[in-house]
């Protein structure tokens, strides 16, 4: 009996290590790609498009945080009836909920944290553009960084409430999108 339990623990630990390695590599590669694209892309843009991209990155981070929270609080049983009626996306929704820790990790941590790092880098580039364009004698980076942080944290706080109150609809919408990508 003890040997079986020890074997299960070893398999769980091995699975956790594999997940860590996969998520580490995914995050590393995505961070390099997005950082390169945003830094090079934003540095060549004028001020207004750069601000638009910054806002877009913040919104993407909030959006994926909402998905991550919704998946963790959604009730799988609500989708079983839909699955028996062959409602599109219901089986994908069940799979999302059954894999909630990994889905939440990818959505809230990987994508959310990458968006946080990107928004910081983009805000630094924008602050340099503002300082150069308007000939300011002080660094506006502190104000811009605080604004970006406040928008991100405030948006995620609001998003968590939305995710808690609408988890079934959010997970089902994601399930429908995943279902379409599978075809």
C-alpha atoms as a PDB file:
ATOM      1  CA  UNK A   1       0.000   0.000   0.000  1.00  0.00           C
ATOM      2  CA  UNK A   2       2.755   2.410   0.937  1.00  0.00           C
ATOM      3  CA  UNK A   3       4.653   1.676  -2.267  1.00  0.00           C
ATOM      4  CA  UNK A   4       1.634   2.586  -4.457  1.00  0.00           C
ATOM      5  CA  UNK A   5       1.162   5.839  -2.574  1.00  0.00           C
ATOM      6  CA  UNK A   6       4.847   6.687  -2.929  1.00  0.00           C
ATOM      7  CA  UNK A   7       4.694   5.906  -6.645  1.00  0.00           C
ATOM      8  CA  UNK A   8       1.677   8.221  -7.081  1.00  0.00           C
ATOM      9  CA  UNK A   9       3.507  10.984  -5.236  1.00  0.00           C
ATOM     10  CA  UNK A  10       6.554  10.531  -7.488  1.00  0.00           C
ATOM     11  CA  UNK A  11       4.341  10.663 -10.592  1.00  0.00           C
ATOM     12  CA  UNK A  12       2.624  13.823  -9.303  1.00  0.00           C
ATOM     13  CA  UNK A  13       5.991  15.435  -8.565  1.00  0.00           C
ATOM     14  CA  UNK A  14       7.286  14.442 -12.014  1.00  0.00           C
ATOM     15  CA  UNK A  15       4.124  15.875 -13.602  1.00  0.00           C
ATOM     16  CA  UNK A  16       4.541  19.126 -11.647  1.00  0.00           C
ATOM     17  CA  UNK A  17       8.167  19.410 -12.777  1.00  0.00           C
ATOM     18  CA  UNK A  18       7.172  18.792 -16.409  1.00  0.00           C
ATOM     19  CA  UNK A  19       4.496  21.490 -16.107  1.00  0.00           C
ATOM     20  CA  UNK A  20       7.025  23.912 -14.612  1.00  0.00           C
ATOM     21  CA  UNK A  21       9.482  23.288 -17.462  1.00  0.00           C
ATOM     22  CA  UNK A  22       6.759  23.683 -20.119  1.00  0.00           C
ATOM     23  CA  UNK A  23       5.386  26.878 -18.606  1.00  0.00           C
ATOM     24  CA  UNK A  24       8.893  28.281 -18.060  1.00  0.00           C
ATOM     25  CA  UNK A  25       9.825  27.722 -21.715  1.00  0.00           C
ATOM     26  CA  UNK A  26       6.484  29.062 -22.987  1.00  0.00           C
ATOM     27  CA  UNK A  27       6.762  32.198 -20.857  1.00  0.00           C
ATOM     28  CA  UNK A  28      10.383  32.760 -21.795  1.00  0.00           C
ATOM     29  CA  UNK A  29       9.748  32.431 -25.548  1.00  0.00           C
ATOM     30  CA  UNK A  30       6.564  34.526 -25.516  1.00  0.00           C
ATOM     31  CA  UNK A  31       8.267  37.230 -23.433  1.00  0.00           C
ATOM     32  CA  UNK A  32      11.153  37.493 -25.864  1.00  0.00           C
ATOM     33  CA  UNK A  33       8.855  37.616 -28.890  1.00  0.00           C
ATOM     34  CA  UNK A  34       6.412  40.155 -27.449  1.00  0.00           C
ATOM     35  CA  UNK A  35       9.121  42.310 -25.885  1.00  0.00           C
ATOM     36  CA  UNK A  36      11.047  42.446 -29.145  1.00  0.00           C
ATOM     37  CA  UNK A  37       7.969  43.243 -31.210  1.00  0.00           C
ATOM     38  CA  UNK A  38       6.620  45.851 -28.810  1.00  0.00           C
ATOM     39  CA  UNK A  39       9.942  47.553 -28.111  1.00  0.00           C
ATOM     40  CA  UNK A  40      10.894  47.782 -31.759  1.00  0.00           C
ATOM     41  CA  UNK A  41       7.366  48.472 -32.932  1.00  0.00           C
ATOM     42  CA  UNK A  42       6.508  51.113 -30.338  1.00  0.00           C
ATOM     43  CA  UNK A  43       9.848  52.922 -30.627  1.00  0.00           C
ATOM     44  CA  UNK A  44       9.109  53.541 -34.322  1.00  0.00           C
ATOM     45  CA  UNK A  45       5.570  54.803 -33.759  1.00  0.00           C
ATOM     46  CA  UNK A  46       4.341  58.279 -32.986  1.00  0.00           C
ATOM     47  CA  UNK A  47       2.907  59.085 -29.566  1.00  0.00           C
ATOM     48  CA  UNK A  48      -0.821  58.399 -30.164  1.00  0.00           C
ATOM     49  CA  UNK A  49      -0.424  54.915 -31.723  1.00  0.00           C
ATOM     50  CA  UNK A  50       2.078  54.012 -28.979  1.00  0.00           C
ATOM     51  CA  UNK A  51      -0.448  54.996 -26.298  1.00  0.00           C
ATOM     52  CA  UNK A  52      -3.109  52.963 -28.135  1.00  0.00           C
ATOM     53  CA  UNK A  53      -0.843  49.887 -28.068  1.00  0.00           C
ATOM     54  CA  UNK A  54      -0.153  50.442 -24.366  1.00  0.00           C
ATOM     55  CA  UNK A  55      -3.880  50.523 -23.626  1.00  0.00           C
ATOM     56  CA  UNK A  56      -4.386  47.415 -25.768  1.00  0.00           C
ATOM     57  CA  UNK A  57      -1.707  45.513 -23.825  1.00  0.00           C
ATOM     58  CA  UNK A  58      -3.313  46.509 -20.507  1.00  0.00           C
ATOM     59  CA  UNK A  59      -6.760  45.413 -21.739  1.00  0.00           C
ATOM     60  CA  UNK A  60      -5.399  42.059 -22.976  1.00  0.00           C
ATOM     61  CA  UNK A  61      -3.860  41.421 -19.540  1.00  0.00           C
ATOM     62  CA  UNK A  62      -7.149  42.215 -17.811  1.00  0.00           C
ATOM     63  CA  UNK A  63      -9.142  40.126 -20.311  1.00  0.00           C
ATOM     64  CA  UNK A  64      -7.029  37.011 -19.763  1.00  0.00           C
ATOM     65  CA  UNK A  65      -7.105  37.525 -15.996  1.00  0.00           C
ATOM     66  CA  UNK A  66     -10.909  37.480 -16.207  1.00  0.00           C
ATOM     67  CA  UNK A  67     -10.780  34.177 -18.102  1.00  0.00           C
ATOM     68  CA  UNK A  68      -8.366  32.701 -15.550  1.00  0.00           C
ATOM     69  CA  UNK A  69     -10.614  33.624 -12.632  1.00  0.00           C
ATOM     70  CA  UNK A  70     -13.816  32.530 -14.388  1.00  0.00           C
ATOM     71  CA  UNK A  71     -12.399  29.076 -15.091  1.00  0.00           C
ATOM     72  CA  UNK A  72     -11.450  28.588 -11.445  1.00  0.00           C
ATOM     73  CA  UNK A  73     -14.887  29.529 -10.083  1.00  0.00           C
ATOM     74  CA  UNK A  74     -17.136  28.028 -12.786  1.00  0.00           C
ATOM     75  CA  UNK A  75     -19.221  24.952 -11.984  1.00  0.00           C
ATOM     76  CA  UNK A  76     -18.589  21.981 -14.253  1.00  0.00           C
ATOM     77  CA  UNK A  77     -22.040  20.508 -13.611  1.00  0.00           C
ATOM     78  CA  UNK A  78     -23.729  23.389 -15.419  1.00  0.00           C
ATOM     79  CA  UNK A  79     -22.040  22.276 -18.636  1.00  0.00           C
ATOM     80  CA  UNK A  80     -22.956  18.586 -18.448  1.00  0.00           C
ATOM     81  CA  UNK A  81     -26.584  19.266 -19.362  1.00  0.00           C
ATOM     82  CA  UNK A  82     -25.419  21.471 -22.236  1.00  0.00           C
ATOM     83  CA  UNK A  83     -23.049  18.742 -23.406  1.00  0.00           C
ATOM     84  CA  UNK A  84     -25.845  16.162 -23.506  1.00  0.00           C
ATOM     85  CA  UNK A  85     -27.857  18.592 -25.646  1.00  0.00           C
ATOM     86  CA  UNK A  86     -24.766  18.985 -27.875  1.00  0.00           C
ATOM     87  CA  UNK A  87     -24.479  22.728 -27.236  1.00  0.00           C
ATOM     88  CA  UNK A  88     -21.341  23.958 -28.992  1.00  0.00           C
ATOM     89  CA  UNK A  89     -18.448  24.690 -26.683  1.00  0.00           C
ATOM     90  CA  UNK A  90     -19.846  22.837 -23.684  1.00  0.00           C
ATOM     91  CA  UNK A  91     -17.370  19.933 -23.871  1.00  0.00           C
ATOM     92  CA  UNK A  92     -14.503  22.387 -24.290  1.00  0.00           C
ATOM     93  CA  UNK A  93     -15.834  24.323 -21.303  1.00  0.00           C
ATOM     94  CA  UNK A  94     -15.793  21.152 -19.194  1.00  0.00           C
ATOM     95  CA  UNK A  95     -12.177  20.535 -20.202  1.00  0.00           C
ATOM     96  CA  UNK A  96     -11.272  24.115 -19.265  1.00  0.00           C
ATOM     97  CA  UNK A  97     -12.802  23.691 -15.814  1.00  0.00           C
ATOM     98  CA  UNK A  98     -11.178  20.288 -15.278  1.00  0.00           C
ATOM     99  CA  UNK A  99      -7.828  21.889 -16.083  1.00  0.00           C
ATOM    100  CA  UNK A 100      -8.577  25.103 -14.174  1.00  0.00           C
ATOM    101  CA  UNK A 101      -5.198  25.401 -12.389  1.00  0.00           C
ATOM    102  CA  UNK A 102      -3.275  25.158 -15.660  1.00  0.00           C
ATOM    103  CA  UNK A 103      -5.706  27.358 -17.585  1.00  0.00           C
ATOM    104  CA  UNK A 104      -5.615  29.989 -14.844  1.00  0.00           C
ATOM    105  CA  UNK A 105      -1.816  29.782 -14.762  1.00  0.00           C
ATOM    106  CA  UNK A 106      -1.552  30.373 -18.503  1.00  0.00           C
ATOM    107  CA  UNK A 107      -4.212  33.088 -18.649  1.00  0.00           C
ATOM    108  CA  UNK A 108      -3.583  35.038 -15.457  1.00  0.00           C
ATOM    109  CA  UNK A 109       0.106  34.385 -14.878  1.00  0.00           C
ATOM    110  CA  UNK A 110       1.780  33.793 -18.234  1.00  0.00           C
ATOM    111  CA  UNK A 111      -0.238  36.162 -20.407  1.00  0.00           C
ATOM    112  CA  UNK A 112      -1.141  38.544 -17.585  1.00  0.00           C
ATOM    113  CA  UNK A 113       2.430  38.879 -16.326  1.00  0.00           C
ATOM    114  CA  UNK A 114       3.849  39.236 -19.833  1.00  0.00           C
ATOM    115  CA  UNK A 115       1.337  42.038 -20.440  1.00  0.00           C
ATOM    116  CA  UNK A 116       2.426  43.641 -17.162  1.00  0.00           C
ATOM    117  CA  UNK A 117       6.089  43.583 -18.168  1.00  0.00           C
ATOM    118  CA  UNK A 118       5.264  44.811 -21.667  1.00  0.00           C
ATOM    119  CA  UNK A 119       3.129  47.656 -20.378  1.00  0.00           C
ATOM    120  CA  UNK A 120       6.028  48.756 -18.178  1.00  0.00           C
ATOM    121  CA  UNK A 121       8.469  48.693 -21.089  1.00  0.00           C
ATOM    122  CA  UNK A 122       6.034  50.456 -23.402  1.00  0.00           C
ATOM    123  CA  UNK A 123       5.283  53.106 -20.788  1.00  0.00           C
ATOM    124  CA  UNK A 124       9.029  53.767 -20.476  1.00  0.00           C
ATOM    125  CA  UNK A 125       9.299  54.252 -24.249  1.00  0.00           C
ATOM    126  CA  UNK A 126       6.224  56.506 -24.242  1.00  0.00           C
ATOM    127  CA  UNK A 127       7.582  58.608 -21.394  1.00  0.00           C
ATOM    128  CA  UNK A 128      10.799  59.158 -23.364  1.00  0.00           C
ATOM    129  CA  UNK A 129       8.726  60.192 -26.391  1.00  0.00           C
ATOM    130  CA  UNK A 130       6.679  62.614 -24.282  1.00  0.00           C
ATOM    131  CA  UNK A 131       9.803  64.080 -22.662  1.00  0.00           C
ATOM    132  CA  UNK A 132      11.473  64.557 -26.066  1.00  0.00           C
ATOM    133  CA  UNK A 133       8.352  65.801 -27.879  1.00  0.00           C
ATOM    134  CA  UNK A 134       7.390  68.406 -25.295  1.00  0.00           C
ATOM    135  CA  UNK A 135      10.913  69.220 -24.068  1.00  0.00           C
ATOM    136  CA  UNK A 136      10.121  68.427 -20.444  1.00  0.00           C
ATOM    137  CA  UNK A 137      12.810  68.966 -17.805  1.00  0.00           C
ATOM    138  CA  UNK A 138      11.543  66.148 -15.582  1.00  0.00           C
ATOM    139  CA  UNK A 139      11.009  62.453 -16.113  1.00  0.00           C
ATOM    140  CA  UNK A 140       7.327  61.667 -16.572  1.00  0.00           C
ATOM    141  CA  UNK A 141       8.037  57.915 -16.269  1.00  0.00           C
ATOM    142  CA  UNK A 142       7.030  57.832 -12.590  1.00  0.00           C
ATOM    143  CA  UNK A 143       3.599  59.287 -13.318  1.00  0.00           C
ATOM    144  CA  UNK A 144       3.069  57.087 -16.368  1.00  0.00           C
ATOM    145  CA  UNK A 145       4.208  53.918 -14.537  1.00  0.00           C
ATOM    146  CA  UNK A 146       1.863  54.684 -11.638  1.00  0.00           C
ATOM    147  CA  UNK A 147      -1.018  55.288 -14.069  1.00  0.00           C
ATOM    148  CA  UNK A 148      -0.357  52.000 -15.882  1.00  0.00           C
ATOM    149  CA  UNK A 149      -0.136  50.103 -12.576  1.00  0.00           C
ATOM    150  CA  UNK A 150      -3.355  51.687 -11.299  1.00  0.00           C
ATOM    151  CA  UNK A 151      -5.214  50.907 -14.535  1.00  0.00           C
ATOM    152  CA  UNK A 152      -3.962  47.315 -14.520  1.00  0.00           C
ATOM    153  CA  UNK A 153      -4.687  46.588 -10.861  1.00  0.00           C
ATOM    154  CA  UNK A 154      -8.016  48.441 -10.915  1.00  0.00           C
ATOM    155  CA  UNK A 155      -9.033  46.722 -14.142  1.00  0.00           C
ATOM    156  CA  UNK A 156      -8.138  43.300 -12.761  1.00  0.00           C
ATOM    157  CA  UNK A 157     -10.071  44.014  -9.546  1.00  0.00           C
ATOM    158  CA  UNK A 158     -13.135  44.945 -11.579  1.00  0.00           C
ATOM    159  CA  UNK A 159     -12.506  41.939 -13.832  1.00  0.00           C
ATOM    160  CA  UNK A 160     -12.459  39.544 -10.888  1.00  0.00           C
ATOM    161  CA  UNK A 161     -15.936  40.715  -9.889  1.00  0.00           C
ATOM    162  CA  UNK A 162     -17.138  40.285 -13.472  1.00  0.00           C
ATOM    163  CA  UNK A 163     -15.555  36.803 -13.631  1.00  0.00           C
ATOM    164  CA  UNK A 164     -17.120  35.708 -10.348  1.00  0.00           C
ATOM    165  CA  UNK A 165     -20.577  36.932 -11.326  1.00  0.00           C
ATOM    166  CA  UNK A 166     -20.493  35.655 -14.930  1.00  0.00           C
ATOM    167  CA  UNK A 167     -18.196  32.629 -14.821  1.00  0.00           C
ATOM    168  CA  UNK A 168     -20.550  30.299 -16.691  1.00  0.00           C
ATOM    169  CA  UNK A 169     -21.054  32.707 -19.595  1.00  0.00           C
ATOM    170  CA  UNK A 170     -17.352  33.559 -19.792  1.00  0.00           C
ATOM    171  CA  UNK A 171     -16.186  29.937 -19.719  1.00  0.00           C
ATOM    172  CA  UNK A 172     -18.826  28.982 -22.267  1.00  0.00           C
ATOM    173  CA  UNK A 173     -17.753  31.800 -24.597  1.00  0.00           C
ATOM    174  CA  UNK A 174     -14.136  30.621 -24.345  1.00  0.00           C
ATOM    175  CA  UNK A 175     -15.316  27.045 -24.909  1.00  0.00           C
ATOM    176  CA  UNK A 176     -17.130  28.137 -28.088  1.00  0.00           C
ATOM    177  CA  UNK A 177     -13.982  29.886 -29.362  1.00  0.00           C
ATOM    178  CA  UNK A 178     -11.865  26.809 -28.608  1.00  0.00           C
ATOM    179  CA  UNK A 179     -14.449  24.612 -30.338  1.00  0.00           C
ATOM    180  CA  UNK A 180     -14.212  26.741 -33.498  1.00  0.00           C
ATOM    181  CA  UNK A 181     -10.396  26.554 -33.461  1.00  0.00           C
ATOM    182  CA  UNK A 182     -10.520  22.756 -33.198  1.00  0.00           C
ATOM    183  CA  UNK A 183     -12.449  22.602 -36.465  1.00  0.00           C
END
